[in-house]
Amino acid sequence: MKEPMSIEGYDILVEEFKYLLEHEKPKVSQEKLVAAALGDRSENADYQAAKEKLRFIDKRLFYLNSMIQKAHIIDPSKSSHERVGFGSSVRIEDIATSQENIYTLCGVLEAEPENGLISIHSPLARAMLGKCAEDEFILKLPQGKKEYEIVEIYYQNIFSLKKNIRTKKDFSFH
């Protein structure tokens, strides 16, 4: 299954993969070799720690590679946003309470629900997909149903809304 993501999201994914593969893994492999040279590996904390770090790095590399392979890069700035789709910012109103919220649909790795960035796979995003302004939709929740109306659909760059953008210091394993 393809995984939609923005160009910036894909670039960060590739950057992390390269950093782990070219910098972090060789560095930790060297730490493991140095620790192994110190003697008994069964009671060598440095050796065990390096071995564990390598295991985490390999797992992360496997995951990142899988996401890169599944990536479906979408440039939402090129969409009309007449209908809700990937990269759309959507202002919705809870019909019962008149409370409004704004959500932007993005890829799973770009999501920050606390900042209004929701995965395109989330129940709320799936309920809005393909809808137009003034359309109503029902969201089924464990405690019942909620009805919403789409007030406005527009484009705003996903990464201009993100508060937690991963950088090289976030890629390494300490």
N, C-alpha and C. Protein backbone atom coordinates (compact mmCIF):
# COMPACT_ATOMS: atom_id res chain seq x y z
N MET A 1 0.84 -1.18 0.00
CA MET A 1 0.00 0.00 0.00
C MET A 1 0.89 1.25 0.00
N LYS A 2 0.58 2.17 -0.86
CA LYS A 2 1.34 3.42 -0.95
C LYS A 2 1.03 4.31 0.26
N GLU A 3 2.03 5.05 0.69
CA GLU A 3 1.89 5.96 1.84
C GLU A 3 2.05 7.39 1.37
N PRO A 4 0.94 8.17 1.34
CA PRO A 4 1.06 9.55 0.88
C PRO A 4 1.91 10.39 1.83
N MET A 5 2.72 11.27 1.24
CA MET A 5 3.52 12.20 2.04
C MET A 5 3.92 13.39 1.18
N SER A 6 4.24 14.48 1.85
CA SER A 6 4.68 15.68 1.14
C SER A 6 6.14 15.51 0.70
N ILE A 7 6.57 16.40 -0.17
CA ILE A 7 7.95 16.39 -0.63
C ILE A 7 8.90 16.58 0.56
N GLU A 8 8.56 17.54 1.44
CA GLU A 8 9.41 17.81 2.61
C GLU A 8 9.47 16.60 3.54
N GLY A 9 8.33 15.93 3.73
CA GLY A 9 8.29 14.74 4.57
C GLY A 9 9.16 13.63 4.02
N TYR A 10 9.11 13.45 2.69
CA TYR A 10 9.94 12.44 2.05
C TYR A 10 11.42 12.78 2.20
N ASP A 11 11.75 14.05 1.99
CA ASP A 11 13.15 14.47 2.10
C ASP A 11 13.72 14.21 3.49
N ILE A 12 12.93 14.45 4.54
CA ILE A 12 13.39 14.20 5.91
C ILE A 12 13.57 12.71 6.14
N LEU A 13 12.68 11.90 5.59
CA LEU A 13 12.78 10.44 5.70
C LEU A 13 14.09 9.95 5.09
N VAL A 14 14.39 10.42 3.88
CA VAL A 14 15.62 10.02 3.19
C VAL A 14 16.84 10.54 3.94
N GLU A 15 16.76 11.77 4.45
CA GLU A 15 17.88 12.35 5.19
C GLU A 15 18.18 11.51 6.44
N GLU A 16 17.14 11.11 7.17
CA GLU A 16 17.35 10.29 8.36
C GLU A 16 17.94 8.94 7.99
N PHE A 17 17.42 8.31 6.93
CA PHE A 17 17.93 7.01 6.49
C PHE A 17 19.42 7.10 6.16
N LYS A 18 19.80 8.11 5.36
CA LYS A 18 21.21 8.28 4.98
C LYS A 18 22.08 8.55 6.21
N TYR A 19 21.60 9.39 7.10
CA TYR A 19 22.38 9.73 8.29
C TYR A 19 22.64 8.49 9.14
N LEU A 20 21.60 7.71 9.39
CA LEU A 20 21.76 6.50 10.19
C LEU A 20 22.70 5.51 9.51
N LEU A 21 22.53 5.34 8.20
CA LEU A 21 23.33 4.36 7.46
C LEU A 21 24.78 4.79 7.31
N GLU A 22 25.01 6.07 7.03
CA GLU A 22 26.36 6.53 6.71
C GLU A 22 27.14 7.06 7.91
N HIS A 23 26.46 7.50 8.96
CA HIS A 23 27.16 8.09 10.10
C HIS A 23 26.94 7.31 11.40
N GLU A 24 25.71 7.16 11.77
CA GLU A 24 25.39 6.58 13.08
C GLU A 24 25.77 5.11 13.17
N LYS A 25 25.39 4.31 12.17
CA LYS A 25 25.68 2.88 12.22
C LYS A 25 27.19 2.60 12.22
N PRO A 26 27.98 3.23 11.34
CA PRO A 26 29.44 3.00 11.40
C PRO A 26 30.05 3.43 12.74
N LYS A 27 29.56 4.55 13.29
CA LYS A 27 30.09 5.04 14.58
C LYS A 27 29.80 4.03 15.69
N VAL A 28 28.58 3.52 15.75
CA VAL A 28 28.21 2.57 16.80
C VAL A 28 28.90 1.22 16.56
N SER A 29 29.08 0.84 15.31
CA SER A 29 29.81 -0.40 15.00
C SER A 29 31.24 -0.31 15.52
N GLN A 30 31.84 0.85 15.36
CA GLN A 30 33.20 1.07 15.87
C GLN A 30 33.22 1.00 17.40
N GLU A 31 32.21 1.61 18.05
CA GLU A 31 32.10 1.54 19.52
C GLU A 31 32.01 0.08 19.97
N LYS A 32 31.27 -0.73 19.22
CA LYS A 32 31.10 -2.15 19.55
C LYS A 32 32.43 -2.88 19.42
N LEU A 33 33.19 -2.59 18.36
CA LEU A 33 34.49 -3.23 18.16
C LEU A 33 35.47 -2.87 19.28
N VAL A 34 35.48 -1.59 19.65
CA VAL A 34 36.38 -1.13 20.72
C VAL A 34 36.01 -1.82 22.04
N ALA A 35 34.70 -1.87 22.31
CA ALA A 35 34.23 -2.51 23.55
C ALA A 35 34.53 -4.01 23.54
N ALA A 36 34.40 -4.65 22.39
CA ALA A 36 34.66 -6.09 22.28
C ALA A 36 36.12 -6.40 22.56
N ALA A 37 37.00 -5.48 22.20
CA ALA A 37 38.43 -5.68 22.41
C ALA A 37 38.81 -5.62 23.88
N LEU A 38 37.91 -5.12 24.72
CA LEU A 38 38.20 -4.99 26.15
C LEU A 38 38.06 -6.30 26.92
N GLY A 39 37.59 -7.35 26.26
CA GLY A 39 37.54 -8.64 26.96
C GLY A 39 36.16 -9.26 26.98
N ASP A 40 35.84 -9.93 28.09
CA ASP A 40 34.63 -10.72 28.26
C ASP A 40 33.37 -9.93 27.84
N ARG A 41 32.74 -10.39 26.78
CA ARG A 41 31.58 -9.68 26.24
C ARG A 41 30.33 -9.86 27.09
N SER A 42 30.22 -10.95 27.80
CA SER A 42 28.99 -11.23 28.57
C SER A 42 28.80 -10.23 29.71
N GLU A 43 29.88 -9.68 30.25
CA GLU A 43 29.75 -8.73 31.35
C GLU A 43 30.28 -7.35 30.98
N ASN A 44 30.35 -7.10 29.69
CA ASN A 44 30.89 -5.85 29.18
C ASN A 44 29.72 -4.91 28.85
N ALA A 45 29.44 -3.96 29.72
CA ALA A 45 28.30 -3.06 29.56
C ALA A 45 28.40 -2.21 28.30
N ASP A 46 29.61 -1.75 27.96
CA ASP A 46 29.79 -0.94 26.75
C ASP A 46 29.48 -1.76 25.50
N TYR A 47 29.92 -3.00 25.50
CA TYR A 47 29.65 -3.89 24.36
C TYR A 47 28.15 -4.13 24.22
N GLN A 48 27.50 -4.45 25.34
CA GLN A 48 26.06 -4.72 25.33
C GLN A 48 25.27 -3.48 24.89
N ALA A 49 25.69 -2.30 25.36
CA ALA A 49 25.01 -1.05 24.98
C ALA A 49 25.16 -0.79 23.48
N ALA A 50 26.37 -0.98 22.96
CA ALA A 50 26.60 -0.76 21.52
C ALA A 50 25.80 -1.76 20.69
N LYS A 51 25.75 -2.99 21.16
CA LYS A 51 24.98 -4.03 20.47
C LYS A 51 23.49 -3.65 20.43
N GLU A 52 23.00 -3.15 21.55
CA GLU A 52 21.59 -2.73 21.64
C GLU A 52 21.32 -1.53 20.72
N LYS A 53 22.24 -0.57 20.70
CA LYS A 53 22.09 0.61 19.82
C LYS A 53 22.04 0.16 18.36
N LEU A 54 22.91 -0.77 17.99
CA LEU A 54 22.91 -1.28 16.61
C LEU A 54 21.58 -1.94 16.27
N ARG A 55 21.02 -2.67 17.23
CA ARG A 55 19.73 -3.32 17.01
C ARG A 55 18.64 -2.25 16.75
N PHE A 56 18.64 -1.17 17.55
CA PHE A 56 17.68 -0.08 17.35
C PHE A 56 17.88 0.60 15.99
N ILE A 57 19.14 0.84 15.64
CA ILE A 57 19.46 1.49 14.35
C ILE A 57 18.98 0.61 13.20
N ASP A 58 19.25 -0.68 13.27
CA ASP A 58 18.82 -1.59 12.20
C ASP A 58 17.30 -1.64 12.08
N LYS A 59 16.61 -1.66 13.20
CA LYS A 59 15.14 -1.64 13.17
C LYS A 59 14.62 -0.36 12.53
N ARG A 60 15.22 0.78 12.91
CA ARG A 60 14.79 2.07 12.36
C ARG A 60 15.11 2.13 10.86
N LEU A 61 16.28 1.65 10.46
CA LEU A 61 16.63 1.62 9.04
C LEU A 61 15.63 0.77 8.24
N PHE A 62 15.25 -0.37 8.79
CA PHE A 62 14.29 -1.24 8.14
C PHE A 62 12.96 -0.52 7.96
N TYR A 63 12.49 0.15 9.03
CA TYR A 63 11.23 0.89 8.99
C TYR A 63 11.30 2.04 7.98
N LEU A 64 12.36 2.83 8.04
CA LEU A 64 12.51 3.97 7.13
C LEU A 64 12.57 3.49 5.68
N ASN A 65 13.31 2.42 5.42
CA ASN A 65 13.41 1.88 4.07
C ASN A 65 12.03 1.44 3.57
N SER A 66 11.27 0.82 4.44
CA SER A 66 9.92 0.39 4.07
C SER A 66 9.04 1.59 3.74
N MET A 67 9.14 2.67 4.52
CA MET A 67 8.35 3.87 4.26
C MET A 67 8.80 4.56 2.97
N ILE A 68 10.10 4.55 2.70
CA ILE A 68 10.62 5.15 1.47
C ILE A 68 10.09 4.36 0.26
N GLN A 69 10.10 3.02 0.38
CA GLN A 69 9.60 2.18 -0.71
C GLN A 69 8.12 2.41 -0.98
N LYS A 70 7.36 2.66 0.09
CA LYS A 70 5.90 2.84 -0.04
C LYS A 70 5.49 4.29 -0.34
N ALA A 71 6.46 5.20 -0.32
CA ALA A 71 6.15 6.63 -0.43
C ALA A 71 5.42 6.97 -1.72
N HIS A 72 4.37 7.73 -1.57
CA HIS A 72 3.64 8.31 -2.70
C HIS A 72 3.70 9.81 -2.47
N ILE A 73 4.65 10.45 -3.13
CA ILE A 73 4.90 11.88 -2.90
C ILE A 73 3.83 12.70 -3.60
N ILE A 74 3.22 13.59 -2.82
CA ILE A 74 2.16 14.45 -3.35
C ILE A 74 2.54 15.90 -3.05
N ASP A 75 2.41 16.75 -4.05
CA ASP A 75 2.61 18.18 -3.85
C ASP A 75 1.23 18.82 -3.74
N PRO A 76 0.74 19.03 -2.50
CA PRO A 76 -0.62 19.54 -2.33
C PRO A 76 -0.81 20.96 -2.85
N SER A 77 0.28 21.70 -3.08
CA SER A 77 0.14 23.07 -3.59
C SER A 77 -0.41 23.06 -5.02
N LYS A 78 -0.31 21.91 -5.68
CA LYS A 78 -0.78 21.81 -7.07
C LYS A 78 -2.25 21.38 -7.16
N SER A 79 -2.87 21.05 -6.04
CA SER A 79 -4.29 20.64 -6.03
C SER A 79 -5.18 21.85 -5.88
N SER A 80 -6.41 21.74 -6.36
CA SER A 80 -7.35 22.87 -6.29
C SER A 80 -7.94 23.05 -4.89
N HIS A 81 -8.04 21.98 -4.14
CA HIS A 81 -8.63 21.98 -2.79
C HIS A 81 -10.09 22.42 -2.80
N GLU A 82 -10.77 22.16 -3.93
CA GLU A 82 -12.22 22.35 -3.96
C GLU A 82 -12.88 21.24 -3.15
N ARG A 83 -12.23 20.10 -3.14
CA ARG A 83 -12.66 18.95 -2.33
C ARG A 83 -11.52 18.63 -1.36
N VAL A 84 -11.88 18.06 -0.23
CA VAL A 84 -10.88 17.70 0.78
C VAL A 84 -10.01 16.58 0.24
N GLY A 85 -8.70 16.79 0.31
CA GLY A 85 -7.74 15.79 -0.12
C GLY A 85 -6.45 15.94 0.66
N PHE A 86 -5.44 15.19 0.28
CA PHE A 86 -4.14 15.26 0.95
C PHE A 86 -3.64 16.70 0.91
N GLY A 87 -3.22 17.22 2.05
CA GLY A 87 -2.68 18.56 2.14
C GLY A 87 -3.72 19.66 2.31
N SER A 88 -5.00 19.29 2.29
CA SER A 88 -6.04 20.30 2.50
C SER A 88 -6.11 20.69 3.97
N SER A 89 -6.27 21.99 4.20
CA SER A 89 -6.61 22.48 5.53
C SER A 89 -8.12 22.67 5.51
N VAL A 90 -8.78 22.15 6.53
CA VAL A 90 -10.23 22.12 6.54
C VAL A 90 -10.75 22.71 7.85
N ARG A 91 -11.58 23.74 7.72
CA ARG A 91 -12.23 24.31 8.90
C ARG A 91 -13.61 23.64 8.98
N ILE A 92 -13.84 22.96 10.11
CA ILE A 92 -15.11 22.26 10.29
C ILE A 92 -15.83 22.83 11.52
N GLU A 93 -17.14 22.69 11.50
CA GLU A 93 -17.95 23.14 12.62
C GLU A 93 -18.75 21.97 13.16
N ASP A 94 -18.69 21.79 14.47
CA ASP A 94 -19.50 20.79 15.14
C ASP A 94 -20.93 21.33 15.13
N ILE A 95 -21.82 20.64 14.45
CA ILE A 95 -23.19 21.15 14.28
C ILE A 95 -23.91 21.31 15.61
N ALA A 96 -23.67 20.43 16.57
CA ALA A 96 -24.37 20.51 17.86
C ALA A 96 -23.89 21.66 18.73
N THR A 97 -22.58 21.98 18.66
CA THR A 97 -22.02 22.99 19.59
C THR A 97 -21.57 24.28 18.89
N SER A 98 -21.55 24.28 17.57
CA SER A 98 -21.05 25.40 16.76
C SER A 98 -19.55 25.66 16.97
N GLN A 99 -18.85 24.75 17.62
CA GLN A 99 -17.41 24.90 17.82
C GLN A 99 -16.69 24.59 16.51
N GLU A 100 -15.71 25.43 16.17
CA GLU A 100 -14.94 25.23 14.94
C GLU A 100 -13.53 24.76 15.25
N ASN A 101 -13.02 23.92 14.38
CA ASN A 101 -11.63 23.45 14.45
C ASN A 101 -11.08 23.41 13.04
N ILE A 102 -9.75 23.53 12.95
CA ILE A 102 -9.08 23.43 11.66
C ILE A 102 -8.12 22.25 11.71
N TYR A 103 -8.20 21.41 10.68
CA TYR A 103 -7.32 20.25 10.56
C TYR A 103 -6.69 20.26 9.18
N THR A 104 -5.44 19.80 9.11
CA THR A 104 -4.75 19.66 7.84
C THR A 104 -4.41 18.19 7.66
N LEU A 105 -4.79 17.63 6.51
CA LEU A 105 -4.57 16.22 6.23
C LEU A 105 -3.16 16.01 5.69
N CYS A 106 -2.43 15.10 6.31
CA CYS A 106 -1.04 14.87 5.94
C CYS A 106 -0.70 13.40 6.04
N GLY A 107 0.55 13.07 5.77
CA GLY A 107 1.02 11.70 5.88
C GLY A 107 1.18 11.28 7.33
N VAL A 108 1.22 9.99 7.56
CA VAL A 108 1.30 9.45 8.92
C VAL A 108 2.56 9.92 9.65
N LEU A 109 3.69 10.06 8.95
CA LEU A 109 4.92 10.50 9.59
C LEU A 109 4.97 12.01 9.80
N GLU A 110 4.06 12.73 9.17
CA GLU A 110 4.02 14.18 9.29
C GLU A 110 3.00 14.63 10.33
N ALA A 111 2.15 13.71 10.77
CA ALA A 111 1.03 14.05 11.65
C ALA A 111 1.49 14.58 13.01
N GLU A 112 0.81 15.59 13.46
CA GLU A 112 0.94 16.15 14.81
C GLU A 112 -0.47 16.54 15.23
N PRO A 113 -1.25 15.58 15.69
CA PRO A 113 -2.66 15.85 16.02
C PRO A 113 -2.83 17.03 16.97
N GLU A 114 -1.88 17.19 17.89
CA GLU A 114 -1.97 18.29 18.86
C GLU A 114 -1.83 19.66 18.19
N ASN A 115 -1.31 19.67 16.96
CA ASN A 115 -1.15 20.92 16.20
C ASN A 115 -2.08 20.97 14.99
N GLY A 116 -3.09 20.10 14.97
CA GLY A 116 -4.07 20.11 13.89
C GLY A 116 -3.66 19.37 12.63
N LEU A 117 -2.50 18.72 12.65
CA LEU A 117 -2.04 17.93 11.50
C LEU A 117 -2.45 16.48 11.72
N ILE A 118 -3.43 16.01 10.94
CA ILE A 118 -3.93 14.66 11.16
C ILE A 118 -3.60 13.76 9.97
N SER A 119 -3.31 12.50 10.28
CA SER A 119 -2.99 11.52 9.26
C SER A 119 -4.18 11.33 8.34
N ILE A 120 -3.88 11.19 7.07
CA ILE A 120 -4.92 10.95 6.07
C ILE A 120 -5.66 9.64 6.35
N HIS A 121 -5.06 8.77 7.17
CA HIS A 121 -5.68 7.48 7.52
C HIS A 121 -6.58 7.58 8.75
N SER A 122 -6.58 8.72 9.44
CA SER A 122 -7.39 8.85 10.66
C SER A 122 -8.88 8.82 10.32
N PRO A 123 -9.71 8.39 11.26
CA PRO A 123 -11.15 8.34 11.00
C PRO A 123 -11.73 9.70 10.59
N LEU A 124 -11.28 10.78 11.22
CA LEU A 124 -11.78 12.11 10.88
C LEU A 124 -11.39 12.48 9.44
N ALA A 125 -10.15 12.25 9.07
CA ALA A 125 -9.69 12.56 7.71
C ALA A 125 -10.46 11.73 6.69
N ARG A 126 -10.62 10.44 6.97
CA ARG A 126 -11.34 9.57 6.03
C ARG A 126 -12.79 10.03 5.85
N ALA A 127 -13.40 10.53 6.93
CA ALA A 127 -14.79 11.01 6.85
C ALA A 127 -14.90 12.28 6.00
N MET A 128 -13.82 13.07 5.95
CA MET A 128 -13.85 14.34 5.21
C MET A 128 -13.41 14.20 3.75
N LEU A 129 -12.62 13.19 3.43
CA LEU A 129 -12.06 13.04 2.08
C LEU A 129 -13.12 13.14 1.00
N GLY A 130 -12.84 13.97 0.00
CA GLY A 130 -13.74 14.10 -1.14
C GLY A 130 -14.90 15.06 -0.94
N LYS A 131 -15.07 15.55 0.28
CA LYS A 131 -16.19 16.46 0.58
C LYS A 131 -15.84 17.88 0.11
N CYS A 132 -16.88 18.69 -0.09
CA CYS A 132 -16.75 20.09 -0.49
C CYS A 132 -17.19 21.00 0.65
N ALA A 133 -16.90 22.29 0.52
CA ALA A 133 -17.38 23.27 1.49
C ALA A 133 -18.91 23.18 1.55
N GLU A 134 -19.43 23.30 2.74
CA GLU A 134 -20.86 23.23 3.06
C GLU A 134 -21.40 21.80 3.13
N ASP A 135 -20.58 20.80 2.80
CA ASP A 135 -21.01 19.41 2.97
C ASP A 135 -21.02 19.07 4.45
N GLU A 136 -21.94 18.21 4.83
CA GLU A 136 -22.00 17.71 6.20
C GLU A 136 -21.55 16.26 6.20
N PHE A 137 -21.00 15.84 7.33
CA PHE A 137 -20.60 14.45 7.46
C PHE A 137 -20.77 14.01 8.91
N ILE A 138 -20.85 12.71 9.09
CA ILE A 138 -21.02 12.13 10.43
C ILE A 138 -19.76 11.35 10.77
N LEU A 139 -19.28 11.56 11.97
CA LEU A 139 -18.13 10.83 12.47
C LEU A 139 -18.62 9.91 13.59
N LYS A 140 -18.42 8.61 13.41
CA LYS A 140 -18.84 7.65 14.43
C LYS A 140 -17.73 7.52 15.47
N LEU A 141 -18.11 7.77 16.72
CA LEU A 141 -17.18 7.72 17.84
C LEU A 141 -17.64 6.65 18.82
N PRO A 142 -16.76 6.18 19.71
CA PRO A 142 -17.17 5.16 20.69
C PRO A 142 -18.39 5.60 21.52
N GLN A 143 -18.48 6.91 21.82
CA GLN A 143 -19.58 7.39 22.66
C GLN A 143 -20.76 7.89 21.82
N GLY A 144 -20.77 7.60 20.53
CA GLY A 144 -21.89 8.02 19.69
C GLY A 144 -21.41 8.65 18.41
N LYS A 145 -22.32 9.42 17.78
CA LYS A 145 -21.99 10.08 16.51
C LYS A 145 -21.89 11.57 16.72
N LYS A 146 -21.05 12.20 15.89
CA LYS A 146 -20.96 13.66 15.86
C LYS A 146 -21.17 14.10 14.42
N GLU A 147 -21.90 15.18 14.28
CA GLU A 147 -22.14 15.72 12.95
C GLU A 147 -21.35 17.01 12.77
N TYR A 148 -20.73 17.13 11.60
CA TYR A 148 -19.92 18.29 11.29
C TYR A 148 -20.32 18.86 9.94
N GLU A 149 -20.00 20.14 9.77
CA GLU A 149 -20.13 20.76 8.46
C GLU A 149 -18.77 21.31 8.07
N ILE A 150 -18.43 21.15 6.80
CA ILE A 150 -17.18 21.70 6.30
C ILE A 150 -17.45 23.17 5.96
N VAL A 151 -16.76 24.05 6.67
CA VAL A 151 -16.94 25.48 6.50
C VAL A 151 -16.06 26.01 5.38
N GLU A 152 -14.81 25.53 5.34
CA GLU A 152 -13.85 26.06 4.39
C GLU A 152 -12.76 25.04 4.11
N ILE A 153 -12.29 25.02 2.87
CA ILE A 153 -11.16 24.15 2.47
C ILE A 153 -10.14 25.06 1.79
N TYR A 154 -8.90 24.97 2.23
CA TYR A 154 -7.86 25.79 1.62
C TYR A 154 -6.52 25.08 1.75
N TYR A 155 -5.50 25.65 1.11
CA TYR A 155 -4.16 25.07 1.17
C TYR A 155 -3.25 25.90 2.06
N GLN A 156 -2.56 25.23 2.95
CA GLN A 156 -1.48 25.83 3.73
C GLN A 156 -0.40 24.77 3.83
N ASN A 157 0.85 25.13 3.56
CA ASN A 157 1.95 24.16 3.57
C ASN A 157 2.01 23.41 4.90
N ILE A 158 2.05 22.09 4.82
CA ILE A 158 2.09 21.22 5.99
C ILE A 158 3.24 21.59 6.92
N PHE A 159 4.42 21.82 6.35
CA PHE A 159 5.59 22.08 7.19
C PHE A 159 5.59 23.48 7.79
N SER A 160 4.73 24.37 7.30
CA SER A 160 4.60 25.68 7.95
C SER A 160 3.78 25.55 9.23
N LEU A 161 3.06 24.44 9.36
CA LEU A 161 2.21 24.19 10.54
C LEU A 161 2.90 23.31 11.58
N LYS A 162 3.92 22.56 11.15
CA LYS A 162 4.58 21.61 12.07
C LYS A 162 5.37 22.34 13.15
N LYS A 163 5.32 21.79 14.34
CA LYS A 163 6.09 22.32 15.47
C LYS A 163 7.27 21.41 15.80
N ASN A 164 7.21 20.15 15.35
CA ASN A 164 8.23 19.16 15.70
C ASN A 164 8.89 18.60 14.45
N ILE A 165 9.76 19.38 13.84
CA ILE A 165 10.46 18.92 12.64
C ILE A 165 11.76 18.24 13.07
N ARG A 166 11.88 16.96 12.66
CA ARG A 166 13.07 16.19 13.04
C ARG A 166 14.30 16.69 12.27
N THR A 167 15.42 16.76 13.01
CA THR A 167 16.70 17.16 12.42
C THR A 167 17.74 16.11 12.77
N LYS A 168 18.98 16.30 12.31
CA LYS A 168 20.03 15.31 12.54
C LYS A 168 20.22 14.98 14.02
N LYS A 169 20.06 15.97 14.89
CA LYS A 169 20.24 15.67 16.33
C LYS A 169 19.16 14.72 16.84
N ASP A 170 18.01 14.69 16.16
CA ASP A 170 16.93 13.77 16.54
C ASP A 170 17.15 12.37 15.96
N PHE A 171 18.01 12.25 14.94
CA PHE A 171 18.20 10.98 14.27
C PHE A 171 19.11 10.02 15.04
N SER A 172 20.02 10.58 15.85
CA SER A 172 21.02 9.71 16.49
C SER A 172 20.45 9.01 17.72
N PHE A 173 21.11 7.92 18.08
CA PHE A 173 20.75 7.12 19.25
C PHE A 173 21.77 7.37 20.33
N HIS A 174 21.33 7.87 21.47
CA HIS A 174 22.26 8.23 22.55
C HIS A 174 22.38 7.12 23.56
